N, C-alpha and C. Protein backbone atom coordinates (compact mmCIF):
# COMPACT_ATOMS: atom_id res chain seq x y z
N MET A 1 -275.23 -122.37 -1.58
CA MET A 1 -275.24 -123.26 -2.41
C MET A 1 -274.11 -123.51 -2.44
N THR A 2 -273.44 -124.90 -2.41
CA THR A 2 -272.54 -126.02 -2.49
C THR A 2 -271.16 -125.73 -3.90
N ALA A 3 -270.19 -125.22 -2.69
CA ALA A 3 -268.89 -125.04 -3.82
C ALA A 3 -268.42 -125.91 -4.82
N PRO A 4 -268.82 -125.82 -6.08
CA PRO A 4 -267.74 -126.76 -7.15
C PRO A 4 -267.06 -127.63 -6.84
N ALA A 5 -266.98 -129.15 -7.38
CA ALA A 5 -265.79 -130.18 -6.98
C ALA A 5 -264.95 -129.54 -8.10
N ILE A 6 -263.48 -129.24 -7.58
CA ILE A 6 -262.52 -129.48 -8.68
C ILE A 6 -261.66 -130.63 -9.04
N ARG A 7 -261.94 -131.11 -10.24
CA ARG A 7 -261.24 -132.76 -9.74
C ARG A 7 -260.17 -132.76 -11.95
N THR A 8 -259.66 -133.46 -11.83
CA THR A 8 -258.67 -133.63 -13.22
C THR A 8 -259.89 -134.01 -14.45
N ALA A 9 -259.67 -133.23 -14.97
CA ALA A 9 -260.43 -133.64 -16.69
C ALA A 9 -260.42 -135.26 -16.96
N ILE A 10 -261.14 -136.13 -17.41
CA ILE A 10 -261.42 -137.45 -17.93
C ILE A 10 -261.99 -137.19 -19.18
N PRO A 11 -261.64 -138.67 -20.10
CA PRO A 11 -262.31 -138.29 -21.54
C PRO A 11 -263.13 -138.21 -21.94
N ALA A 12 -264.16 -139.14 -21.24
CA ALA A 12 -265.66 -138.25 -20.72
C ALA A 12 -265.94 -136.74 -21.01
N ASP A 13 -265.25 -136.19 -19.93
CA ASP A 13 -265.23 -134.58 -19.99
C ASP A 13 -265.11 -134.62 -21.76
N LEU A 14 -264.40 -134.35 -22.27
CA LEU A 14 -264.63 -133.68 -23.82
C LEU A 14 -265.33 -132.53 -24.11
N GLU A 15 -266.72 -133.49 -24.02
CA GLU A 15 -267.82 -132.38 -25.00
C GLU A 15 -268.50 -131.30 -24.14
N ARG A 16 -268.44 -131.61 -23.36
CA ARG A 16 -269.16 -130.77 -21.64
C ARG A 16 -267.42 -129.60 -22.51
N ILE A 17 -266.97 -129.94 -22.20
CA ILE A 17 -265.23 -128.57 -21.89
C ILE A 17 -265.91 -127.88 -23.26
N LYS A 18 -265.70 -128.77 -24.63
CA LYS A 18 -266.32 -128.11 -25.47
C LYS A 18 -267.50 -127.35 -25.54
N ALA A 19 -268.25 -127.48 -25.20
CA ALA A 19 -270.00 -127.32 -24.75
C ALA A 19 -268.99 -126.09 -24.19
N ILE A 20 -268.61 -125.83 -23.68
CA ILE A 20 -268.48 -124.45 -22.39
C ILE A 20 -267.91 -123.58 -23.26
N ALA A 21 -266.69 -123.82 -23.75
CA ALA A 21 -265.84 -123.28 -24.43
C ALA A 21 -266.79 -122.44 -25.88
N VAL A 22 -268.16 -123.09 -26.63
CA VAL A 22 -268.83 -122.43 -27.42
C VAL A 22 -269.92 -121.84 -26.67
N ALA A 23 -270.37 -122.29 -25.71
CA ALA A 23 -271.49 -121.17 -25.09
C ALA A 23 -271.50 -120.02 -23.97
N SER A 24 -269.56 -120.04 -24.03
CA SER A 24 -269.33 -119.05 -23.50
C SER A 24 -268.57 -117.71 -24.53
N GLU A 25 -268.95 -118.12 -25.34
CA GLU A 25 -268.47 -117.82 -27.25
C GLU A 25 -266.82 -117.26 -27.12
N MET A 26 -266.24 -118.66 -26.47
CA MET A 26 -264.65 -118.64 -26.71
C MET A 26 -263.78 -118.58 -27.66
N PHE A 27 -265.08 -119.72 -28.16
CA PHE A 27 -264.46 -120.73 -29.56
C PHE A 27 -265.87 -120.76 -30.54
N THR A 28 -265.65 -120.89 -31.52
CA THR A 28 -267.06 -121.90 -32.90
C THR A 28 -267.01 -123.21 -32.96
N VAL A 29 -267.82 -123.32 -33.03
CA VAL A 29 -267.69 -125.04 -33.29
C VAL A 29 -267.04 -125.55 -33.93
N GLU A 30 -266.87 -124.36 -35.39
CA GLU A 30 -265.71 -125.09 -35.77
C GLU A 30 -264.38 -125.25 -34.60
N GLU A 31 -263.73 -123.95 -34.89
CA GLU A 31 -262.54 -123.72 -33.76
C GLU A 31 -262.35 -124.52 -33.10
N VAL A 32 -263.64 -124.85 -31.73
CA VAL A 32 -262.73 -126.13 -30.96
C VAL A 32 -263.09 -127.20 -31.72
N GLY A 33 -262.88 -127.21 -32.40
CA GLY A 33 -262.32 -129.16 -32.64
C GLY A 33 -260.83 -129.19 -32.25
N PHE A 34 -259.89 -128.17 -32.19
CA PHE A 34 -258.54 -128.73 -32.30
C PHE A 34 -258.48 -129.45 -30.49
N PHE A 35 -259.40 -128.75 -29.42
CA PHE A 35 -259.62 -129.79 -28.53
C PHE A 35 -259.78 -131.21 -28.32
N ASP A 36 -259.74 -131.26 -29.09
CA ASP A 36 -259.56 -132.66 -29.46
C ASP A 36 -258.46 -133.16 -29.26
N GLU A 37 -257.50 -132.82 -30.08
CA GLU A 37 -256.03 -133.08 -29.95
C GLU A 37 -255.56 -132.65 -28.82
N ILE A 38 -255.86 -131.94 -28.04
CA ILE A 38 -255.07 -130.86 -26.96
C ILE A 38 -255.39 -132.26 -25.55
N LEU A 39 -256.78 -132.51 -25.63
CA LEU A 39 -256.91 -133.33 -24.92
C LEU A 39 -256.30 -134.57 -25.04
N ALA A 40 -256.34 -134.55 -26.26
CA ALA A 40 -256.14 -136.26 -26.31
C ALA A 40 -254.45 -136.90 -26.29
N GLY A 41 -253.50 -135.02 -26.24
CA GLY A 41 -252.39 -135.80 -25.54
C GLY A 41 -252.03 -135.70 -24.66
N PHE A 42 -253.32 -134.69 -23.48
CA PHE A 42 -253.14 -134.75 -22.24
C PHE A 42 -253.22 -135.94 -21.73
N PHE A 43 -254.24 -136.71 -22.20
CA PHE A 43 -255.60 -137.94 -21.45
C PHE A 43 -253.68 -139.38 -22.03
N ASP A 44 -253.35 -139.20 -23.07
CA ASP A 44 -252.44 -140.11 -23.10
C ASP A 44 -250.18 -139.83 -23.09
N ARG A 45 -250.96 -138.87 -21.66
CA ARG A 45 -249.23 -138.00 -21.24
C ARG A 45 -248.40 -137.60 -22.78
N SER A 46 -249.05 -137.05 -23.68
CA SER A 46 -247.72 -137.38 -24.68
C SER A 46 -247.19 -135.49 -24.72
N MET A 47 -248.67 -134.62 -24.04
CA MET A 47 -248.36 -133.28 -23.96
C MET A 47 -247.43 -133.09 -22.17
N GLN A 48 -246.74 -133.41 -22.23
CA GLN A 48 -245.81 -133.42 -20.61
C GLN A 48 -246.02 -131.80 -19.86
N GLY A 49 -246.62 -132.23 -19.20
CA GLY A 49 -246.70 -130.80 -18.12
C GLY A 49 -248.74 -130.21 -18.47
N HIS A 50 -248.87 -130.65 -19.07
CA HIS A 50 -250.75 -130.51 -19.76
C HIS A 50 -251.40 -130.39 -18.46
N GLN A 51 -251.72 -129.47 -17.80
CA GLN A 51 -253.78 -130.37 -16.68
C GLN A 51 -254.05 -129.33 -17.53
N TRP A 52 -255.11 -130.45 -16.74
CA TRP A 52 -256.88 -129.65 -17.64
C TRP A 52 -258.16 -130.58 -16.53
N LEU A 53 -258.38 -129.44 -15.85
CA LEU A 53 -259.06 -129.67 -15.20
C LEU A 53 -260.66 -129.26 -14.96
N VAL A 54 -262.01 -129.63 -14.30
CA VAL A 54 -263.14 -129.42 -14.61
C VAL A 54 -263.16 -128.80 -13.40
N ALA A 55 -264.61 -128.36 -12.75
CA ALA A 55 -265.33 -127.80 -11.16
C ALA A 55 -266.87 -128.70 -12.52
N GLU A 56 -267.17 -129.43 -10.63
CA GLU A 56 -268.51 -130.01 -11.18
C GLU A 56 -269.25 -130.02 -9.96
N ASP A 57 -270.35 -129.25 -10.33
CA ASP A 57 -271.41 -129.53 -8.94
C ASP A 57 -272.15 -130.66 -9.80
N HIS A 58 -273.91 -129.81 -9.18
CA HIS A 58 -274.44 -131.00 -8.59
C HIS A 58 -275.46 -131.26 -10.28
N SER A 59 -275.10 -130.13 -11.35
CA SER A 59 -276.01 -129.93 -12.45
C SER A 59 -274.63 -130.77 -13.50
N GLY A 60 -273.41 -130.57 -13.25
CA GLY A 60 -272.54 -131.73 -14.52
C GLY A 60 -271.33 -130.10 -13.65
N ILE A 61 -270.50 -130.98 -15.14
CA ILE A 61 -269.17 -129.86 -15.37
C ILE A 61 -269.31 -128.20 -15.35
N VAL A 62 -269.41 -127.29 -14.61
CA VAL A 62 -269.63 -125.65 -15.23
C VAL A 62 -268.52 -125.12 -15.61
N ALA A 63 -267.24 -125.95 -15.95
CA ALA A 63 -266.03 -124.71 -15.89
C ALA A 63 -264.98 -125.35 -16.28
N ALA A 64 -264.42 -125.39 -16.77
CA ALA A 64 -262.97 -126.05 -16.81
C ALA A 64 -261.63 -125.44 -16.83
N ALA A 65 -260.67 -125.77 -17.21
CA ALA A 65 -259.23 -124.95 -17.32
C ALA A 65 -258.32 -125.41 -17.96
N HIS A 66 -257.40 -124.97 -18.20
CA HIS A 66 -256.12 -125.35 -18.90
C HIS A 66 -254.57 -124.83 -18.96
N TYR A 67 -253.92 -125.55 -18.65
CA TYR A 67 -252.20 -124.98 -17.81
C TYR A 67 -251.24 -125.71 -18.70
N ALA A 68 -250.79 -125.17 -18.24
CA ALA A 68 -248.88 -125.43 -18.69
C ALA A 68 -248.14 -125.64 -18.90
N PRO A 69 -246.54 -125.82 -18.34
CA PRO A 69 -245.58 -125.16 -18.64
C PRO A 69 -245.20 -123.76 -19.57
N GLU A 70 -244.98 -123.39 -20.04
CA GLU A 70 -244.07 -122.03 -20.91
C GLU A 70 -243.23 -122.95 -21.31
N PRO A 71 -242.92 -123.02 -22.68
CA PRO A 71 -241.25 -123.51 -23.08
C PRO A 71 -241.15 -122.20 -23.28
N PHE A 72 -239.13 -123.17 -23.20
CA PHE A 72 -238.33 -122.01 -23.48
C PHE A 72 -238.58 -120.11 -22.44
N SER A 73 -239.25 -121.44 -21.10
CA SER A 73 -239.19 -119.61 -20.17
C SER A 73 -238.43 -120.60 -19.42
N ASP A 74 -238.64 -120.19 -17.84
CA ASP A 74 -237.45 -120.06 -16.35
C ASP A 74 -238.80 -120.68 -15.54
N ARG A 75 -239.14 -121.86 -15.02
CA ARG A 75 -240.33 -121.85 -14.17
C ARG A 75 -241.83 -121.01 -14.51
N MET A 76 -241.47 -120.62 -15.68
CA MET A 76 -243.39 -119.49 -15.89
C MET A 76 -243.98 -121.15 -16.72
N TRP A 77 -245.72 -120.45 -16.29
CA TRP A 77 -246.72 -121.01 -16.41
C TRP A 77 -247.87 -120.26 -17.27
N ASN A 78 -248.50 -120.93 -18.32
CA ASN A 78 -249.75 -120.12 -19.11
C ASN A 78 -250.74 -121.02 -18.71
N LEU A 79 -252.07 -120.69 -18.34
CA LEU A 79 -253.19 -120.34 -18.02
C LEU A 79 -254.04 -121.03 -19.56
N TYR A 80 -253.52 -121.65 -20.76
CA TYR A 80 -254.24 -121.31 -21.51
C TYR A 80 -255.40 -121.01 -22.32
N PHE A 81 -256.12 -121.79 -21.26
CA PHE A 81 -257.69 -121.96 -21.51
C PHE A 81 -258.89 -122.20 -19.94
N ILE A 82 -259.58 -121.11 -19.99
CA ILE A 82 -260.42 -120.69 -18.66
C ILE A 82 -261.53 -120.31 -18.74
N ALA A 83 -262.60 -121.32 -18.87
CA ALA A 83 -263.69 -121.18 -19.31
C ALA A 83 -265.38 -121.77 -17.97
N VAL A 84 -265.82 -120.07 -17.98
CA VAL A 84 -267.40 -120.97 -17.32
C VAL A 84 -268.82 -120.80 -18.16
N ASP A 85 -269.40 -122.00 -17.80
CA ASP A 85 -271.06 -121.89 -18.94
C ASP A 85 -271.30 -120.90 -18.08
N PRO A 86 -271.93 -120.02 -19.32
CA PRO A 86 -272.86 -119.07 -18.96
C PRO A 86 -273.46 -119.01 -17.84
N GLY A 87 -274.42 -120.07 -17.87
CA GLY A 87 -275.12 -120.33 -16.95
C GLY A 87 -274.67 -120.05 -14.86
N THR A 88 -273.67 -120.11 -15.43
CA THR A 88 -273.65 -120.12 -13.93
C THR A 88 -272.02 -119.12 -13.31
N GLN A 89 -272.29 -118.42 -14.26
CA GLN A 89 -271.00 -117.26 -14.70
C GLN A 89 -271.31 -116.42 -13.44
N GLY A 90 -270.29 -115.49 -12.70
CA GLY A 90 -270.62 -114.49 -11.62
C GLY A 90 -270.55 -115.18 -10.71
N LYS A 91 -270.86 -116.66 -10.00
CA LYS A 91 -270.80 -117.36 -9.29
C LYS A 91 -269.60 -117.96 -8.27
N GLY A 92 -268.52 -116.91 -8.10
CA GLY A 92 -266.95 -117.53 -8.27
C GLY A 92 -266.70 -118.94 -8.76
N ILE A 93 -267.14 -119.29 -9.37
CA ILE A 93 -266.25 -120.72 -9.75
C ILE A 93 -264.79 -120.10 -10.82
N GLY A 94 -264.98 -119.03 -11.77
CA GLY A 94 -263.98 -118.84 -12.65
C GLY A 94 -262.23 -119.12 -11.17
N ALA A 95 -263.01 -117.75 -10.15
CA ALA A 95 -262.18 -117.02 -9.32
C ALA A 95 -262.28 -118.99 -8.31
N LEU A 96 -262.75 -119.60 -8.33
CA LEU A 96 -261.96 -120.84 -7.90
C LEU A 96 -261.43 -122.04 -8.36
N ILE A 97 -261.96 -121.80 -9.47
CA ILE A 97 -260.66 -123.04 -10.49
C ILE A 97 -259.63 -122.10 -10.88
N GLU A 98 -259.53 -120.84 -10.65
CA GLU A 98 -258.52 -120.63 -11.16
C GLU A 98 -257.24 -120.60 -10.01
N SER A 99 -257.66 -120.00 -8.69
CA SER A 99 -256.86 -120.10 -7.80
C SER A 99 -256.58 -121.97 -7.46
N HIS A 100 -257.92 -122.65 -7.44
CA HIS A 100 -256.92 -124.24 -8.14
C HIS A 100 -255.19 -124.65 -8.59
N VAL A 101 -256.02 -124.21 -9.96
CA VAL A 101 -253.94 -123.58 -10.67
C VAL A 101 -253.45 -123.25 -9.39
N GLU A 102 -253.67 -121.87 -9.56
CA GLU A 102 -252.48 -121.25 -8.62
C GLU A 102 -251.84 -121.49 -7.23
N ASP A 103 -253.09 -122.58 -6.55
CA ASP A 103 -252.92 -123.34 -5.38
C ASP A 103 -251.69 -124.94 -6.13
N THR A 104 -252.07 -125.29 -6.89
CA THR A 104 -251.31 -126.43 -7.39
C THR A 104 -249.80 -126.51 -8.16
N LEU A 105 -249.57 -125.12 -8.09
CA LEU A 105 -248.76 -124.28 -9.07
C LEU A 105 -247.48 -124.57 -7.76
N ARG A 106 -247.99 -123.59 -7.23
CA ARG A 106 -247.65 -123.23 -5.46
C ARG A 106 -247.24 -123.96 -4.81
N SER A 107 -247.81 -125.47 -4.91
CA SER A 107 -247.48 -126.53 -4.36
C SER A 107 -245.78 -127.16 -4.27
N LEU A 108 -246.15 -126.76 -5.98
CA LEU A 108 -244.96 -127.19 -7.45
C LEU A 108 -243.45 -126.94 -6.36
N GLY A 109 -243.50 -125.93 -5.73
CA GLY A 109 -242.36 -125.10 -5.20
C GLY A 109 -241.97 -124.34 -6.23
N GLU A 110 -241.38 -123.11 -5.66
CA GLU A 110 -239.97 -121.84 -6.34
C GLU A 110 -239.09 -122.99 -7.40
N ALA A 111 -239.09 -123.98 -7.12
CA ALA A 111 -237.92 -124.78 -8.05
C ALA A 111 -239.17 -125.21 -9.45
N GLU A 112 -240.29 -125.14 -9.29
CA GLU A 112 -240.79 -125.62 -10.59
C GLU A 112 -241.91 -125.03 -11.11
N ALA A 113 -242.12 -123.88 -10.25
CA ALA A 113 -243.00 -122.74 -10.58
C ALA A 113 -243.12 -121.00 -10.22
N ARG A 114 -242.74 -120.51 -10.68
CA ARG A 114 -242.52 -118.81 -10.39
C ARG A 114 -243.46 -117.49 -10.85
N VAL A 115 -244.05 -118.05 -12.16
CA VAL A 115 -244.73 -116.78 -12.97
C VAL A 115 -246.11 -117.45 -13.38
N LEU A 116 -247.20 -116.81 -12.89
CA LEU A 116 -249.08 -117.51 -14.19
C LEU A 116 -248.89 -116.17 -15.24
N ILE A 117 -249.05 -117.00 -15.74
CA ILE A 117 -249.59 -115.53 -17.03
C ILE A 117 -250.35 -116.23 -17.93
N VAL A 118 -250.91 -115.42 -18.08
CA VAL A 118 -252.83 -115.38 -19.23
C VAL A 118 -252.85 -115.02 -20.34
N GLU A 119 -253.16 -115.00 -21.74
CA GLU A 119 -253.30 -113.91 -22.58
C GLU A 119 -254.76 -114.36 -23.04
N THR A 120 -255.73 -113.33 -23.29
CA THR A 120 -256.24 -112.76 -24.06
C THR A 120 -256.22 -111.74 -25.11
N SER A 121 -257.74 -111.53 -25.53
CA SER A 121 -257.99 -110.75 -27.01
C SER A 121 -258.17 -109.16 -26.50
N SER A 122 -257.89 -108.91 -26.87
CA SER A 122 -258.03 -106.61 -26.72
C SER A 122 -259.47 -106.74 -26.92
N THR A 123 -260.52 -107.18 -27.58
CA THR A 123 -261.37 -107.23 -28.28
C THR A 123 -262.87 -106.93 -26.90
N GLN A 124 -263.88 -106.18 -27.93
CA GLN A 124 -265.10 -105.27 -26.49
C GLN A 124 -265.32 -107.00 -26.04
N GLN A 125 -265.90 -107.88 -26.49
CA GLN A 125 -265.96 -109.43 -26.15
C GLN A 125 -265.52 -109.67 -25.71
N TYR A 126 -264.34 -109.35 -24.82
CA TYR A 126 -263.05 -110.16 -24.04
C TYR A 126 -263.05 -108.99 -22.36
N ALA A 127 -263.92 -108.16 -22.78
CA ALA A 127 -263.62 -107.06 -21.96
C ALA A 127 -263.86 -107.26 -20.68
N ARG A 128 -264.87 -108.66 -19.79
CA ARG A 128 -265.56 -108.87 -19.23
C ARG A 128 -263.63 -109.62 -18.92
N THR A 129 -263.60 -110.75 -19.16
CA THR A 129 -262.31 -111.41 -19.22
C THR A 129 -261.92 -111.11 -18.76
N ARG A 130 -260.79 -109.76 -19.28
CA ARG A 130 -259.62 -109.04 -18.62
C ARG A 130 -260.31 -108.32 -17.53
N ASP A 131 -261.30 -108.11 -16.67
CA ASP A 131 -261.57 -107.34 -15.67
C ASP A 131 -262.33 -108.56 -14.77
N PHE A 132 -262.59 -110.14 -15.29
CA PHE A 132 -261.70 -110.72 -14.14
C PHE A 132 -260.47 -111.08 -13.85
N TYR A 133 -259.33 -111.01 -14.66
CA TYR A 133 -258.37 -112.05 -14.30
C TYR A 133 -257.88 -109.89 -13.28
N ALA A 134 -258.17 -109.06 -13.92
CA ALA A 134 -257.25 -108.12 -13.17
C ALA A 134 -257.97 -107.80 -11.69
N LYS A 135 -259.30 -108.09 -12.18
CA LYS A 135 -259.78 -108.43 -10.16
C LYS A 135 -259.34 -109.30 -9.21
N ILE A 136 -259.00 -111.14 -9.51
CA ILE A 136 -257.65 -111.73 -9.35
C ILE A 136 -256.56 -111.61 -9.23
N GLY A 137 -256.37 -109.82 -9.36
CA GLY A 137 -255.17 -110.03 -8.91
C GLY A 137 -254.17 -110.01 -10.55
N PHE A 138 -254.29 -109.80 -11.01
CA PHE A 138 -253.19 -110.13 -12.77
C PHE A 138 -252.39 -109.06 -12.93
N ASP A 139 -251.68 -108.78 -13.27
CA ASP A 139 -250.73 -107.30 -13.82
C ASP A 139 -250.27 -107.84 -15.70
N GLU A 140 -251.49 -106.58 -15.76
CA GLU A 140 -251.67 -106.27 -17.37
C GLU A 140 -251.02 -106.36 -17.71
N GLU A 141 -249.52 -106.73 -18.56
CA GLU A 141 -248.06 -107.01 -18.34
C GLU A 141 -247.69 -106.95 -19.75
N ALA A 142 -248.08 -107.11 -21.01
CA ALA A 142 -248.23 -106.92 -22.31
C ALA A 142 -248.59 -106.28 -23.21
N GLN A 143 -248.78 -106.41 -24.56
CA GLN A 143 -249.78 -105.88 -25.41
C GLN A 143 -248.74 -106.06 -27.09
N ILE A 144 -249.96 -106.50 -27.51
CA ILE A 144 -249.21 -107.61 -28.74
C ILE A 144 -249.87 -106.93 -29.99
N ARG A 145 -249.27 -105.67 -30.49
CA ARG A 145 -250.94 -105.03 -31.39
C ARG A 145 -251.07 -106.09 -32.68
N GLN A 146 -252.95 -106.32 -33.24
CA GLN A 146 -253.82 -106.90 -33.75
C GLN A 146 -252.42 -108.68 -34.26
N PHE A 147 -252.21 -108.77 -32.99
CA PHE A 147 -252.08 -110.49 -32.30
C PHE A 147 -253.08 -111.15 -33.65
N TYR A 148 -254.12 -111.40 -32.89
CA TYR A 148 -255.23 -112.30 -33.29
C TYR A 148 -255.55 -111.79 -34.61
N GLY A 149 -254.92 -110.55 -35.49
CA GLY A 149 -255.81 -109.67 -36.62
C GLY A 149 -256.33 -108.45 -36.48
N PRO A 150 -256.30 -107.95 -37.80
CA PRO A 150 -255.88 -106.74 -37.17
C PRO A 150 -257.78 -105.35 -35.96
N GLY A 151 -257.20 -104.82 -35.62
CA GLY A 151 -257.48 -104.56 -34.62
C GLY A 151 -258.19 -105.30 -33.34
N ASP A 152 -257.27 -106.85 -32.74
CA ASP A 152 -257.03 -107.49 -31.86
C ASP A 152 -255.86 -107.40 -31.75
N ASP A 153 -255.37 -106.91 -30.72
CA ASP A 153 -254.41 -107.39 -29.58
C ASP A 153 -254.30 -108.32 -28.47
N LYS A 154 -252.93 -109.04 -28.43
CA LYS A 154 -253.15 -109.98 -27.30
C LYS A 154 -252.68 -109.32 -26.47
N ILE A 155 -253.25 -109.20 -25.54
CA ILE A 155 -253.09 -108.55 -23.81
C ILE A 155 -252.55 -109.90 -23.02
N VAL A 156 -251.16 -110.01 -22.25
CA VAL A 156 -251.09 -110.85 -21.45
C VAL A 156 -250.71 -110.26 -19.77
N PHE A 157 -251.38 -110.88 -18.88
CA PHE A 157 -251.33 -110.65 -17.93
C PHE A 157 -250.71 -111.43 -17.09
N TRP A 158 -250.33 -111.07 -16.35
CA TRP A 158 -249.18 -111.83 -14.89
C TRP A 158 -249.20 -111.73 -13.43
N LYS A 159 -248.56 -112.61 -12.83
CA LYS A 159 -249.05 -112.92 -12.44
C LYS A 159 -247.76 -113.44 -10.94
N SER A 160 -247.54 -113.74 -10.29
CA SER A 160 -246.33 -114.17 -9.81
C SER A 160 -246.87 -115.35 -8.59
N LEU A 161 -245.76 -116.26 -8.68
CA LEU A 161 -246.05 -117.70 -7.62
C LEU A 161 -245.59 -117.69 -6.35
N VAL A 162 -244.42 -116.77 -5.87
CA VAL A 162 -243.36 -116.48 -5.81
C VAL A 162 -243.40 -114.72 -4.73
N ALA A 163 -243.67 -115.59 -3.55
CA ALA A 163 -244.11 -115.32 -2.64
C ALA A 163 -243.43 -113.67 -1.76
N ASN A 164 -243.21 -113.10 -1.99
CA ASN A 164 -241.36 -112.06 -1.60
C ASN A 164 -240.37 -112.46 -2.16
N ALA A 165 -240.81 -112.16 -3.33
CA ALA A 165 -238.99 -112.91 -4.44
C ALA A 165 -239.04 -111.45 -5.26
N PRO A 166 -237.44 -110.89 -5.20
CA PRO A 166 -237.79 -109.68 -5.77
C PRO A 166 -237.96 -109.55 -6.77
N GLY A 167 -238.24 -108.21 -7.05
CA GLY A 167 -238.56 -108.77 -9.04
C GLY A 167 -239.92 -108.89 -9.77
N LEU A 168 -240.49 -110.30 -7.95
CA LEU A 168 -241.67 -110.85 -8.93
C LEU A 168 -242.83 -110.15 -7.31
N THR A 169 -242.97 -109.48 -7.07
CA THR A 169 -243.89 -109.53 -6.38
C THR A 169 -245.09 -108.93 -7.47
N HIS A 170 -246.25 -109.18 -6.89
CA HIS A 170 -247.74 -108.09 -7.27
C HIS A 170 -247.16 -106.57 -7.67
N GLN A 171 -247.84 -106.04 -8.96
CA GLN A 171 -247.68 -104.79 -9.03
C GLN A 171 -249.29 -103.87 -9.00
N GLY A 172 -250.16 -104.39 -8.97
CA GLY A 172 -251.10 -103.54 -8.83
C GLY A 172 -251.89 -103.17 -7.22
């Protein structure tokens, strides 16, 4: 199997990105409507620093990711969204696109990027997601109780983008 090509999203990708978000059960059809606004801001460059990627193989787009600088922080970036079509999960595509994000951020240098975080839910529905982040080298950094609602905490994962920096090395 040939690895999917990773590229910057274009407007024609919007519906497929939303379909993957729904199919992977990250969002409902109603909830995914906000992607229209977020992607519009990316395409017209009004959402400064935001990046959207897609992974595409012979069948089309199979994964997507969205990341951006974390406001009011020191060179911290947030991987806001990463999803893989359920039919292609478990084939390393999520790790491939996440690794591309890391490589891109590291290429900016320490002056622009030092930490990547990702946030997810504590519910059983997201257990595989949390396992994925741990497997690819993220540390579970924080838990904010009932953030998304009763019984649904926010789990924050953390990864250094700077090699051998004091206080910023991987703890896992």
